[in-house]
Amino acid sequence: ALLFGANPAAADIAAADAARAGDMQKLNFAEAMDLPKAELLDLEDGVH
């Protein structure tokens, strides 16, 4: 309660985790993790 009260984003994740039903039971929440850097291409080969 203290953690989620001090961190609104964590509270949102806790609420979303609690709301899982149906197909969403396959959705696994975890501690926020940084993503690796990578270049992605659009349909015209633009870099994003």
ModelCIF file with pLDDT and N, C-alpha, C, O atoms, coordinates in Angstrom:
data_MODEL
#
_entry.id   MODEL 
#
_entity.id                         1 
_entity.type                       polymer 
_entity.pdbx_number_of_molecules   1 
#
_entity_poly.entity_id                      1 
_entity_poly.type                           'polypeptide(L)' 
_entity_poly.nstd_linkage                   no 
_entity_poly.nstd_monomer                   no 
_entity_poly.pdbx_seq_one_letter_code       ALLFGANPAAADIAAADAARAGDMQKLNFAEAMDLPKAELLDLEDGVH 
_entity_poly.pdbx_seq_one_letter_code_can   ALLFGANPAAADIAAADAARAGDMQKLNFAEAMDLPKAELLDLEDGVH 
_entity_poly.pdbx_strand_id                 A 
#
loop_
_entity_poly_seq.entity_id 
_entity_poly_seq.num 
_entity_poly_seq.mon_id 
_entity_poly_seq.hetero 
1 1  ALA n 
1 2  LEU n 
1 3  LEU n 
1 4  PHE n 
1 5  GLY n 
1 6  ALA n 
1 7  ASN n 
1 8  PRO n 
1 9  ALA n 
1 10 ALA n 
1 11 ALA n 
1 12 ASP n 
1 13 ILE n 
1 14 ALA n 
1 15 ALA n 
1 16 ALA n 
1 17 ASP n 
1 18 ALA n 
1 19 ALA n 
1 20 ARG n 
1 21 ALA n 
1 22 GLY n 
1 23 ASP n 
1 24 MET n 
1 25 GLN n 
1 26 LYS n 
1 27 LEU n 
1 28 ASN n 
1 29 PHE n 
1 30 ALA n 
1 31 GLU n 
1 32 ALA n 
1 33 MET n 
1 34 ASP n 
1 35 LEU n 
1 36 PRO n 
1 37 LYS n 
1 38 ALA n 
1 39 GLU n 
1 40 LEU n 
1 41 LEU n 
1 42 ASP n 
1 43 LEU n 
1 44 GLU n 
1 45 ASP n 
1 46 GLY n 
1 47 VAL n 
1 48 HIS n 
#
_struct_asym.id          A 
_struct_asym.entity_id   1 
#
loop_
_ma_qa_metric.id 
_ma_qa_metric.mode 
_ma_qa_metric.name 
_ma_qa_metric.software_group_id 
_ma_qa_metric.type 
1 global pLDDT . pLDDT 
2 local  pLDDT . pLDDT 
#
_ma_qa_metric_global.metric_id      1 
_ma_qa_metric_global.metric_value   84.10 
_ma_qa_metric_global.model_id       1 
_ma_qa_metric_global.ordinal_id     1 
#
loop_
_ma_qa_metric_local.label_asym_id 
_ma_qa_metric_local.label_comp_id 
_ma_qa_metric_local.label_seq_id 
_ma_qa_metric_local.metric_id 
_ma_qa_metric_local.metric_value 
_ma_qa_metric_local.model_id 
_ma_qa_metric_local.ordinal_id 
A ALA 1  2 37.00 1 1  
A LEU 2  2 34.00 1 2  
A LEU 3  2 41.00 1 3  
A PHE 4  2 41.00 1 4  
A GLY 5  2 41.00 1 5  
A ALA 6  2 40.00 1 6  
A ASN 7  2 50.00 1 7  
A PRO 8  2 49.00 1 8  
A ALA 9  2 57.00 1 9  
A ALA 10 2 68.00 1 10 
A ALA 11 2 61.00 1 11 
A ASP 12 2 83.00 1 12 
A ILE 13 2 90.00 1 13 
A ALA 14 2 91.00 1 14 
A ALA 15 2 92.00 1 15 
A ALA 16 2 94.00 1 16 
A ASP 17 2 93.00 1 17 
A ALA 18 2 94.00 1 18 
A ALA 19 2 94.00 1 19 
A ARG 20 2 97.00 1 20 
A ALA 21 2 94.00 1 21 
A GLY 22 2 94.00 1 22 
A ASP 23 2 93.00 1 23 
A MET 24 2 96.00 1 24 
A GLN 25 2 96.00 1 25 
A LYS 26 2 96.00 1 26 
A LEU 27 2 97.00 1 27 
A ASN 28 2 96.00 1 28 
A PHE 29 2 96.00 1 29 
A ALA 30 2 94.00 1 30 
A GLU 31 2 94.00 1 31 
A ALA 32 2 96.00 1 32 
A MET 33 2 96.00 1 33 
A ASP 34 2 97.00 1 34 
A LEU 35 2 96.00 1 35 
A PRO 36 2 96.00 1 36 
A LYS 37 2 94.00 1 37 
A ALA 38 2 94.00 1 38 
A GLU 39 2 96.00 1 39 
A LEU 40 2 98.00 1 40 
A LEU 41 2 98.00 1 41 
A ASP 42 2 98.00 1 42 
A LEU 43 2 97.00 1 43 
A GLU 44 2 97.00 1 44 
A ASP 45 2 97.00 1 45 
A GLY 46 2 98.00 1 46 
A VAL 47 2 98.00 1 47 
A HIS 48 2 98.00 1 48 
#
loop_
_atom_site.group_PDB 
_atom_site.id 
_atom_site.type_symbol 
_atom_site.label_atom_id 
_atom_site.label_alt_id 
_atom_site.label_comp_id 
_atom_site.label_asym_id 
_atom_site.label_entity_id 
_atom_site.label_seq_id 
_atom_site.pdbx_PDB_ins_code 
_atom_site.Cartn_x 
_atom_site.Cartn_y 
_atom_site.Cartn_z 
_atom_site.occupancy 
_atom_site.B_iso_or_equiv 
_atom_site.pdbx_formal_charge 
_atom_site.auth_seq_id 
_atom_site.auth_comp_id 
_atom_site.auth_asym_id 
_atom_site.auth_atom_id 
_atom_site.pdbx_PDB_model_num 
ATOM 1   N N  . ALA A 1 1  ? 0.834   -1.208  0.000   1.00 37.00 ? 1  ALA A N  1 
ATOM 2   C CA . ALA A 1 1  ? 0.000   0.000   0.000   1.00 37.00 ? 1  ALA A CA 1 
ATOM 3   C C  . ALA A 1 1  ? 0.868   1.258   0.000   1.00 37.00 ? 1  ALA A C  1 
ATOM 4   O O  . ALA A 1 1  ? 0.579   2.216   -0.717  1.00 37.00 ? 1  ALA A O  1 
ATOM 5   N N  . LEU A 1 2  ? 1.928   1.252   0.802   1.00 34.00 ? 2  LEU A N  1 
ATOM 6   C CA . LEU A 1 2  ? 2.825   2.404   0.823   1.00 34.00 ? 2  LEU A CA 1 
ATOM 7   C C  . LEU A 1 2  ? 3.523   2.584   -0.521  1.00 34.00 ? 2  LEU A C  1 
ATOM 8   O O  . LEU A 1 2  ? 3.645   3.701   -1.022  1.00 34.00 ? 2  LEU A O  1 
ATOM 9   N N  . LEU A 1 3  ? 3.977   1.477   -1.098  1.00 41.00 ? 3  LEU A N  1 
ATOM 10  C CA . LEU A 1 3  ? 4.649   1.533   -2.393  1.00 41.00 ? 3  LEU A CA 1 
ATOM 11  C C  . LEU A 1 3  ? 3.719   2.104   -3.452  1.00 41.00 ? 3  LEU A C  1 
ATOM 12  O O  . LEU A 1 3  ? 4.097   3.022   -4.180  1.00 41.00 ? 3  LEU A O  1 
ATOM 13  N N  . PHE A 1 4  ? 2.504   1.568   -3.544  1.00 41.00 ? 4  PHE A N  1 
ATOM 14  C CA . PHE A 1 4  ? 1.581   2.019   -4.575  1.00 41.00 ? 4  PHE A CA 1 
ATOM 15  C C  . PHE A 1 4  ? 1.071   3.422   -4.295  1.00 41.00 ? 4  PHE A C  1 
ATOM 16  O O  . PHE A 1 4  ? 0.793   4.173   -5.230  1.00 41.00 ? 4  PHE A O  1 
ATOM 17  N N  . GLY A 1 5  ? 0.942   3.789   -3.021  1.00 41.00 ? 5  GLY A N  1 
ATOM 18  C CA . GLY A 1 5  ? 0.511   5.138   -2.687  1.00 41.00 ? 5  GLY A CA 1 
ATOM 19  C C  . GLY A 1 5  ? 1.549   6.175   -3.058  1.00 41.00 ? 5  GLY A C  1 
ATOM 20  O O  . GLY A 1 5  ? 1.208   7.309   -3.394  1.00 41.00 ? 5  GLY A O  1 
ATOM 21  N N  . ALA A 1 6  ? 2.823   5.790   -2.998  1.00 40.00 ? 6  ALA A N  1 
ATOM 22  C CA . ALA A 1 6  ? 3.902   6.709   -3.324  1.00 40.00 ? 6  ALA A CA 1 
ATOM 23  C C  . ALA A 1 6  ? 4.229   6.716   -4.809  1.00 40.00 ? 6  ALA A C  1 
ATOM 24  O O  . ALA A 1 6  ? 4.928   7.608   -5.290  1.00 40.00 ? 6  ALA A O  1 
ATOM 25  N N  . ASN A 1 7  ? 3.732   5.739   -5.525  1.00 50.00 ? 7  ASN A N  1 
ATOM 26  C CA . ASN A 1 7  ? 4.087   5.605   -6.932  1.00 50.00 ? 7  ASN A CA 1 
ATOM 27  C C  . ASN A 1 7  ? 2.820   5.376   -7.742  1.00 50.00 ? 7  ASN A C  1 
ATOM 28  O O  . ASN A 1 7  ? 2.370   4.237   -7.870  1.00 50.00 ? 7  ASN A O  1 
ATOM 29  N N  . PRO A 1 8  ? 2.234   6.439   -8.293  1.00 49.00 ? 8  PRO A N  1 
ATOM 30  C CA . PRO A 1 8  ? 0.988   6.290   -9.047  1.00 49.00 ? 8  PRO A CA 1 
ATOM 31  C C  . PRO A 1 8  ? 1.088   5.317   -10.213 1.00 49.00 ? 8  PRO A C  1 
ATOM 32  O O  . PRO A 1 8  ? 0.128   4.602   -10.500 1.00 49.00 ? 8  PRO A O  1 
ATOM 33  N N  . ALA A 1 9  ? 2.236   5.278   -10.893 1.00 57.00 ? 9  ALA A N  1 
ATOM 34  C CA . ALA A 1 9  ? 2.386   4.351   -12.012 1.00 57.00 ? 9  ALA A CA 1 
ATOM 35  C C  . ALA A 1 9  ? 2.301   2.912   -11.520 1.00 57.00 ? 9  ALA A C  1 
ATOM 36  O O  . ALA A 1 9  ? 1.680   2.068   -12.166 1.00 57.00 ? 9  ALA A O  1 
ATOM 37  N N  . ALA A 1 10 ? 2.923   2.631   -10.378 1.00 68.00 ? 10 ALA A N  1 
ATOM 38  C CA . ALA A 1 10 ? 2.846   1.282   -9.812  1.00 68.00 ? 10 ALA A CA 1 
ATOM 39  C C  . ALA A 1 10 ? 1.413   0.960   -9.405  1.00 68.00 ? 10 ALA A C  1 
ATOM 40  O O  . ALA A 1 10 ? 0.968   -0.179  -9.547  1.00 68.00 ? 10 ALA A O  1 
ATOM 41  N N  . ALA A 1 11 ? 0.683   1.963   -8.896  1.00 61.00 ? 11 ALA A N  1 
ATOM 42  C CA . ALA A 1 11 ? -0.707  1.748   -8.526  1.00 61.00 ? 11 ALA A CA 1 
ATOM 43  C C  . ALA A 1 11 ? -1.542  1.406   -9.753  1.00 61.00 ? 11 ALA A C  1 
ATOM 44  O O  . ALA A 1 11 ? -2.416  0.541   -9.694  1.00 61.00 ? 11 ALA A O  1 
ATOM 45  N N  . ASP A 1 12 ? -1.269  2.095   -10.878 1.00 83.00 ? 12 ASP A N  1 
ATOM 46  C CA . ASP A 1 12 ? -1.990  1.804   -12.112 1.00 83.00 ? 12 ASP A CA 1 
ATOM 47  C C  . ASP A 1 12 ? -1.719  0.372   -12.561 1.00 83.00 ? 12 ASP A C  1 
ATOM 48  O O  . ASP A 1 12 ? -2.632  -0.325  -13.003 1.00 83.00 ? 12 ASP A O  1 
ATOM 49  N N  . ILE A 1 13 ? -0.474  -0.065  -12.449 1.00 90.00 ? 13 ILE A N  1 
ATOM 50  C CA . ILE A 1 13 ? -0.110  -1.426  -12.838 1.00 90.00 ? 13 ILE A CA 1 
ATOM 51  C C  . ILE A 1 13 ? -0.774  -2.434  -11.909 1.00 90.00 ? 13 ILE A C  1 
ATOM 52  O O  . ILE A 1 13 ? -1.250  -3.475  -12.361 1.00 90.00 ? 13 ILE A O  1 
ATOM 53  N N  . ALA A 1 14 ? -0.808  -2.133  -10.619 1.00 91.00 ? 14 ALA A N  1 
ATOM 54  C CA . ALA A 1 14 ? -1.474  -3.043  -9.685  1.00 91.00 ? 14 ALA A CA 1 
ATOM 55  C C  . ALA A 1 14 ? -2.958  -3.161  -10.013 1.00 91.00 ? 14 ALA A C  1 
ATOM 56  O O  . ALA A 1 14 ? -3.521  -4.255  -9.963  1.00 91.00 ? 14 ALA A O  1 
ATOM 57  N N  . ALA A 1 15 ? -3.584  -2.054  -10.343 1.00 92.00 ? 15 ALA A N  1 
ATOM 58  C CA . ALA A 1 15 ? -5.005  -2.080  -10.705 1.00 92.00 ? 15 ALA A CA 1 
ATOM 59  C C  . ALA A 1 15 ? -5.220  -2.858  -11.998 1.00 92.00 ? 15 ALA A C  1 
ATOM 60  O O  . ALA A 1 15 ? -6.180  -3.620  -12.113 1.00 92.00 ? 15 ALA A O  1 
ATOM 61  N N  . ALA A 1 16 ? -4.328  -2.667  -12.974 1.00 94.00 ? 16 ALA A N  1 
ATOM 62  C CA . ALA A 1 16 ? -4.444  -3.400  -14.235 1.00 94.00 ? 16 ALA A CA 1 
ATOM 63  C C  . ALA A 1 16 ? -4.229  -4.892  -14.012 1.00 94.00 ? 16 ALA A C  1 
ATOM 64  O O  . ALA A 1 16 ? -4.934  -5.715  -14.595 1.00 94.00 ? 16 ALA A O  1 
ATOM 65  N N  . ASP A 1 17 ? -3.272  -5.239  -13.182 1.00 93.00 ? 17 ASP A N  1 
ATOM 66  C CA . ASP A 1 17 ? -3.013  -6.646  -12.870 1.00 93.00 ? 17 ASP A CA 1 
ATOM 67  C C  . ASP A 1 17 ? -4.233  -7.277  -12.203 1.00 93.00 ? 17 ASP A C  1 
ATOM 68  O O  . ASP A 1 17 ? -4.589  -8.417  -12.501 1.00 93.00 ? 17 ASP A O  1 
ATOM 69  N N  . ALA A 1 18 ? -4.863  -6.542  -11.312 1.00 94.00 ? 18 ALA A N  1 
ATOM 70  C CA . ALA A 1 18 ? -6.049  -7.039  -10.619 1.00 94.00 ? 18 ALA A CA 1 
ATOM 71  C C  . ALA A 1 18 ? -7.242  -7.180  -11.561 1.00 94.00 ? 18 ALA A C  1 
ATOM 72  O O  . ALA A 1 18 ? -8.149  -7.967  -11.289 1.00 94.00 ? 18 ALA A O  1 
ATOM 73  N N  . ALA A 1 19 ? -7.257  -6.434  -12.657 1.00 94.00 ? 19 ALA A N  1 
ATOM 74  C CA . ALA A 1 19 ? -8.384  -6.449  -13.594 1.00 94.00 ? 19 ALA A CA 1 
ATOM 75  C C  . ALA A 1 19 ? -8.297  -7.581  -14.623 1.00 94.00 ? 19 ALA A C  1 
ATOM 76  O O  . ALA A 1 19 ? -9.211  -7.745  -15.430 1.00 94.00 ? 19 ALA A O  1 
ATOM 77  N N  . ARG A 1 20 ? -7.220  -8.357  -14.606 1.00 97.00 ? 20 ARG A N  1 
ATOM 78  C CA . ARG A 1 20 ? -7.035  -9.389  -15.627 1.00 97.00 ? 20 ARG A CA 1 
ATOM 79  C C  . ARG A 1 20 ? -8.116  -10.466 -15.533 1.00 97.00 ? 20 ARG A C  1 
ATOM 80  O O  . ARG A 1 20 ? -8.403  -10.994 -14.459 1.00 97.00 ? 20 ARG A O  1 
ATOM 81  N N  . ALA A 1 21 ? -8.705  -10.776 -16.687 1.00 94.00 ? 21 ALA A N  1 
ATOM 82  C CA . ALA A 1 21 ? -9.702  -11.845 -16.809 1.00 94.00 ? 21 ALA A CA 1 
ATOM 83  C C  . ALA A 1 21 ? -9.667  -12.332 -18.249 1.00 94.00 ? 21 ALA A C  1 
ATOM 84  O O  . ALA A 1 21 ? -9.099  -11.662 -19.111 1.00 94.00 ? 21 ALA A O  1 
ATOM 85  N N  . GLY A 1 22 ? -10.256 -13.472 -18.523 1.00 94.00 ? 22 GLY A N  1 
ATOM 86  C CA . GLY A 1 22 ? -10.307 -14.001 -19.885 1.00 94.00 ? 22 GLY A CA 1 
ATOM 87  C C  . GLY A 1 22 ? -8.924  -14.140 -20.480 1.00 94.00 ? 22 GLY A C  1 
ATOM 88  O O  . GLY A 1 22 ? -8.004  -14.609 -19.810 1.00 94.00 ? 22 GLY A O  1 
ATOM 89  N N  . ASP A 1 23 ? -8.763  -13.733 -21.744 1.00 93.00 ? 23 ASP A N  1 
ATOM 90  C CA . ASP A 1 23 ? -7.458  -13.777 -22.414 1.00 93.00 ? 23 ASP A CA 1 
ATOM 91  C C  . ASP A 1 23 ? -6.392  -12.990 -21.667 1.00 93.00 ? 23 ASP A C  1 
ATOM 92  O O  . ASP A 1 23 ? -5.206  -13.309 -21.757 1.00 93.00 ? 23 ASP A O  1 
ATOM 93  N N  . MET A 1 24 ? -6.799  -11.980 -20.942 1.00 96.00 ? 24 MET A N  1 
ATOM 94  C CA . MET A 1 24 ? -5.829  -11.121 -20.263 1.00 96.00 ? 24 MET A CA 1 
ATOM 95  C C  . MET A 1 24 ? -5.151  -11.832 -19.088 1.00 96.00 ? 24 MET A C  1 
ATOM 96  O O  . MET A 1 24 ? -4.193  -11.304 -18.524 1.00 96.00 ? 24 MET A O  1 
ATOM 97  N N  . GLN A 1 25 ? -5.630  -13.014 -18.713 1.00 96.00 ? 25 GLN A N  1 
ATOM 98  C CA . GLN A 1 25 ? -4.935  -13.780 -17.686 1.00 96.00 ? 25 GLN A CA 1 
ATOM 99  C C  . GLN A 1 25 ? -3.569  -14.244 -18.175 1.00 96.00 ? 25 GLN A C  1 
ATOM 100 O O  . GLN A 1 25 ? -2.709  -14.602 -17.370 1.00 96.00 ? 25 GLN A O  1 
ATOM 101 N N  . LYS A 1 26 ? -3.364  -14.238 -19.499 1.00 96.00 ? 26 LYS A N  1 
ATOM 102 C CA . LYS A 1 26 ? -2.054  -14.581 -20.068 1.00 96.00 ? 26 LYS A CA 1 
ATOM 103 C C  . LYS A 1 26 ? -1.083  -13.411 -20.007 1.00 96.00 ? 26 LYS A C  1 
ATOM 104 O O  . LYS A 1 26 ? 0.109   -13.581 -20.262 1.00 96.00 ? 26 LYS A O  1 
ATOM 105 N N  . LEU A 1 27 ? -1.583  -12.220 -19.671 1.00 97.00 ? 27 LEU A N  1 
ATOM 106 C CA . LEU A 1 27 ? -0.754  -11.017 -19.596 1.00 97.00 ? 27 LEU A CA 1 
ATOM 107 C C  . LEU A 1 27 ? -0.021  -11.023 -18.258 1.00 97.00 ? 27 LEU A C  1 
ATOM 108 O O  . LEU A 1 27 ? -0.643  -11.046 -17.196 1.00 97.00 ? 27 LEU A O  1 
ATOM 109 N N  . ASN A 1 28 ? 1.301   -11.002 -18.324 1.00 96.00 ? 28 ASN A N  1 
ATOM 110 C CA . ASN A 1 28 ? 2.121   -11.054 -17.113 1.00 96.00 ? 28 ASN A CA 1 
ATOM 111 C C  . ASN A 1 28 ? 2.779   -9.708  -16.861 1.00 96.00 ? 28 ASN A C  1 
ATOM 112 O O  . ASN A 1 28 ? 3.564   -9.226  -17.677 1.00 96.00 ? 28 ASN A O  1 
ATOM 113 N N  . PHE A 1 29 ? 2.450   -9.105  -15.718 1.00 96.00 ? 29 PHE A N  1 
ATOM 114 C CA . PHE A 1 29 ? 3.071   -7.848  -15.315 1.00 96.00 ? 29 PHE A CA 1 
ATOM 115 C C  . PHE A 1 29 ? 4.354   -8.156  -14.559 1.00 96.00 ? 29 PHE A C  1 
ATOM 116 O O  . PHE A 1 29 ? 4.450   -9.168  -13.865 1.00 96.00 ? 29 PHE A O  1 
ATOM 117 N N  . ALA A 1 30 ? 5.333   -7.279  -14.701 1.00 94.00 ? 30 ALA A N  1 
ATOM 118 C CA . ALA A 1 30 ? 6.616   -7.436  -14.016 1.00 94.00 ? 30 ALA A CA 1 
ATOM 119 C C  . ALA A 1 30 ? 7.172   -6.053  -13.715 1.00 94.00 ? 30 ALA A C  1 
ATOM 120 O O  . ALA A 1 30 ? 6.621   -5.038  -14.144 1.00 94.00 ? 30 ALA A O  1 
ATOM 121 N N  . GLU A 1 31 ? 8.263   -6.029  -12.975 1.00 94.00 ? 31 GLU A N  1 
ATOM 122 C CA . GLU A 1 31 ? 8.935   -4.773  -12.672 1.00 94.00 ? 31 GLU A CA 1 
ATOM 123 C C  . GLU A 1 31 ? 9.363   -4.106  -13.975 1.00 94.00 ? 31 GLU A C  1 
ATOM 124 O O  . GLU A 1 31 ? 9.820   -4.774  -14.903 1.00 94.00 ? 31 GLU A O  1 
ATOM 125 N N  . ALA A 1 32 ? 9.213   -2.794  -14.037 1.00 96.00 ? 32 ALA A N  1 
ATOM 126 C CA . ALA A 1 32 ? 9.563   -2.051  -15.246 1.00 96.00 ? 32 ALA A CA 1 
ATOM 127 C C  . ALA A 1 32 ? 11.002  -2.340  -15.655 1.00 96.00 ? 32 ALA A C  1 
ATOM 128 O O  . ALA A 1 32 ? 11.917  -2.327  -14.831 1.00 96.00 ? 32 ALA A O  1 
ATOM 129 N N  . MET A 1 33 ? 11.178  -2.601  -16.953 1.00 96.00 ? 33 MET A N  1 
ATOM 130 C CA . MET A 1 33 ? 12.492  -2.970  -17.471 1.00 96.00 ? 33 MET A CA 1 
ATOM 131 C C  . MET A 1 33 ? 12.808  -2.121  -18.703 1.00 96.00 ? 33 MET A C  1 
ATOM 132 O O  . MET A 1 33 ? 11.994  -2.004  -19.619 1.00 96.00 ? 33 MET A O  1 
ATOM 133 N N  . ASP A 1 34 ? 14.003  -1.533  -18.707 1.00 97.00 ? 34 ASP A N  1 
ATOM 134 C CA . ASP A 1 34 ? 14.432  -0.753  -19.866 1.00 97.00 ? 34 ASP A CA 1 
ATOM 135 C C  . ASP A 1 34 ? 14.542  -1.657  -21.084 1.00 97.00 ? 34 ASP A C  1 
ATOM 136 O O  . ASP A 1 34 ? 14.832  -2.848  -20.973 1.00 97.00 ? 34 ASP A O  1 
ATOM 137 N N  . LEU A 1 35 ? 14.304  -1.060  -22.255 1.00 96.00 ? 35 LEU A N  1 
ATOM 138 C CA . LEU A 1 35 ? 14.374  -1.808  -23.506 1.00 96.00 ? 35 LEU A CA 1 
ATOM 139 C C  . LEU A 1 35 ? 15.741  -1.648  -24.149 1.00 96.00 ? 35 LEU A C  1 
ATOM 140 O O  . LEU A 1 35 ? 16.408  -0.631  -23.956 1.00 96.00 ? 35 LEU A O  1 
ATOM 141 N N  . PRO A 1 36 ? 16.159  -2.644  -24.909 1.00 96.00 ? 36 PRO A N  1 
ATOM 142 C CA . PRO A 1 36 ? 17.394  -2.482  -25.673 1.00 96.00 ? 36 PRO A CA 1 
ATOM 143 C C  . PRO A 1 36 ? 17.174  -1.463  -26.795 1.00 96.00 ? 36 PRO A C  1 
ATOM 144 O O  . PRO A 1 36 ? 16.057  -1.302  -27.287 1.00 96.00 ? 36 PRO A O  1 
ATOM 145 N N  . LYS A 1 37 ? 18.223  -0.795  -27.183 1.00 94.00 ? 37 LYS A N  1 
ATOM 146 C CA . LYS A 1 37 ? 18.142  0.152   -28.296 1.00 94.00 ? 37 LYS A CA 1 
ATOM 147 C C  . LYS A 1 37 ? 18.183  -0.632  -29.603 1.00 94.00 ? 37 LYS A C  1 
ATOM 148 O O  . LYS A 1 37 ? 18.986  -1.553  -29.755 1.00 94.00 ? 37 LYS A O  1 
ATOM 149 N N  . ALA A 1 38 ? 17.332  -0.272  -30.530 1.00 94.00 ? 38 ALA A N  1 
ATOM 150 C CA . ALA A 1 38 ? 17.307  -0.930  -31.837 1.00 94.00 ? 38 ALA A CA 1 
ATOM 151 C C  . ALA A 1 38 ? 16.655  -0.002  -32.835 1.00 94.00 ? 38 ALA A C  1 
ATOM 152 O O  . ALA A 1 38 ? 15.759  0.771   -32.495 1.00 94.00 ? 38 ALA A O  1 
ATOM 153 N N  . GLU A 1 39 ? 17.113  -0.087  -34.070 1.00 96.00 ? 39 GLU A N  1 
ATOM 154 C CA . GLU A 1 39 ? 16.505  0.673   -35.144 1.00 96.00 ? 39 GLU A CA 1 
ATOM 155 C C  . GLU A 1 39 ? 15.431  -0.176  -35.811 1.00 96.00 ? 39 GLU A C  1 
ATOM 156 O O  . GLU A 1 39 ? 15.646  -1.349  -36.118 1.00 96.00 ? 39 GLU A O  1 
ATOM 157 N N  . LEU A 1 40 ? 14.278  0.435   -36.029 1.00 98.00 ? 40 LEU A N  1 
ATOM 158 C CA . LEU A 1 40 ? 13.176  -0.210  -36.722 1.00 98.00 ? 40 LEU A CA 1 
ATOM 159 C C  . LEU A 1 40 ? 12.904  0.571   -37.994 1.00 98.00 ? 40 LEU A C  1 
ATOM 160 O O  . LEU A 1 40 ? 13.166  1.772   -38.059 1.00 98.00 ? 40 LEU A O  1 
ATOM 161 N N  . LEU A 1 41 ? 12.386  -0.100  -38.992 1.00 98.00 ? 41 LEU A N  1 
ATOM 162 C CA . LEU A 1 41 ? 12.112  0.534   -40.280 1.00 98.00 ? 41 LEU A CA 1 
ATOM 163 C C  . LEU A 1 41 ? 10.614  0.650   -40.512 1.00 98.00 ? 41 LEU A C  1 
ATOM 164 O O  . LEU A 1 41 ? 9.852   -0.243  -40.140 1.00 98.00 ? 41 LEU A O  1 
ATOM 165 N N  . ASP A 1 42 ? 10.191  1.758   -41.131 1.00 98.00 ? 42 ASP A N  1 
ATOM 166 C CA . ASP A 1 42 ? 8.799   1.848   -41.553 1.00 98.00 ? 42 ASP A CA 1 
ATOM 167 C C  . ASP A 1 42 ? 8.682   1.230   -42.944 1.00 98.00 ? 42 ASP A C  1 
ATOM 168 O O  . ASP A 1 42 ? 9.647   0.654   -43.446 1.00 98.00 ? 42 ASP A O  1 
ATOM 169 N N  . LEU A 1 43 ? 7.526   1.342   -43.564 1.00 97.00 ? 43 LEU A N  1 
ATOM 170 C CA . LEU A 1 43 ? 7.313   0.707   -44.867 1.00 97.00 ? 43 LEU A CA 1 
ATOM 171 C C  . LEU A 1 43 ? 8.105   1.362   -45.994 1.00 97.00 ? 43 LEU A C  1 
ATOM 172 O O  . LEU A 1 43 ? 8.271   0.773   -47.062 1.00 97.00 ? 43 LEU A O  1 
ATOM 173 N N  . GLU A 1 44 ? 8.597   2.584   -45.756 1.00 97.00 ? 44 GLU A N  1 
ATOM 174 C CA . GLU A 1 44 ? 9.406   3.285   -46.764 1.00 97.00 ? 44 GLU A CA 1 
ATOM 175 C C  . GLU A 1 44 ? 10.890  3.261   -46.400 1.00 97.00 ? 44 GLU A C  1 
ATOM 176 O O  . GLU A 1 44 ? 11.673  4.034   -46.952 1.00 97.00 ? 44 GLU A O  1 
ATOM 177 N N  . ASP A 1 45 ? 11.282  2.385   -45.478 1.00 97.00 ? 45 ASP A N  1 
ATOM 178 C CA . ASP A 1 45 ? 12.658  2.232   -44.996 1.00 97.00 ? 45 ASP A CA 1 
ATOM 179 C C  . ASP A 1 45 ? 13.154  3.400   -44.159 1.00 97.00 ? 45 ASP A C  1 
ATOM 180 O O  . ASP A 1 45 ? 14.361  3.544   -43.965 1.00 97.00 ? 45 ASP A O  1 
ATOM 181 N N  . GLY A 1 46 ? 12.252  4.237   -43.658 1.00 98.00 ? 46 GLY A N  1 
ATOM 182 C CA . GLY A 1 46 ? 12.634  5.276   -42.704 1.00 98.00 ? 46 GLY A CA 1 
ATOM 183 C C  . GLY A 1 46 ? 12.995  4.630   -41.380 1.00 98.00 ? 46 GLY A C  1 
ATOM 184 O O  . GLY A 1 46 ? 12.382  3.639   -40.983 1.00 98.00 ? 46 GLY A O  1 
ATOM 185 N N  . VAL A 1 47 ? 13.983  5.182   -40.694 1.00 98.00 ? 47 VAL A N  1 
ATOM 186 C CA . VAL A 1 47 ? 14.481  4.610   -39.444 1.00 98.00 ? 47 VAL A CA 1 
ATOM 187 C C  . VAL A 1 47 ? 13.734  5.220   -38.257 1.00 98.00 ? 47 VAL A C  1 
ATOM 188 O O  . VAL A 1 47 ? 13.541  6.433   -38.178 1.00 98.00 ? 47 VAL A O  1 
ATOM 189 N N  . HIS A 1 48 ? 13.318  4.341   -37.331 1.00 98.00 ? 48 HIS A N  1 
ATOM 190 C CA . HIS A 1 48 ? 12.573  4.762   -36.143 1.00 98.00 ? 48 HIS A CA 1 
ATOM 191 C C  . HIS A 1 48 ? 13.087  4.022   -34.915 1.00 98.00 ? 48 HIS A C  1 
ATOM 192 O O  . HIS A 1 48 ? 12.587  4.237   -33.811 1.00 98.00 ? 48 HIS A O  1 
#
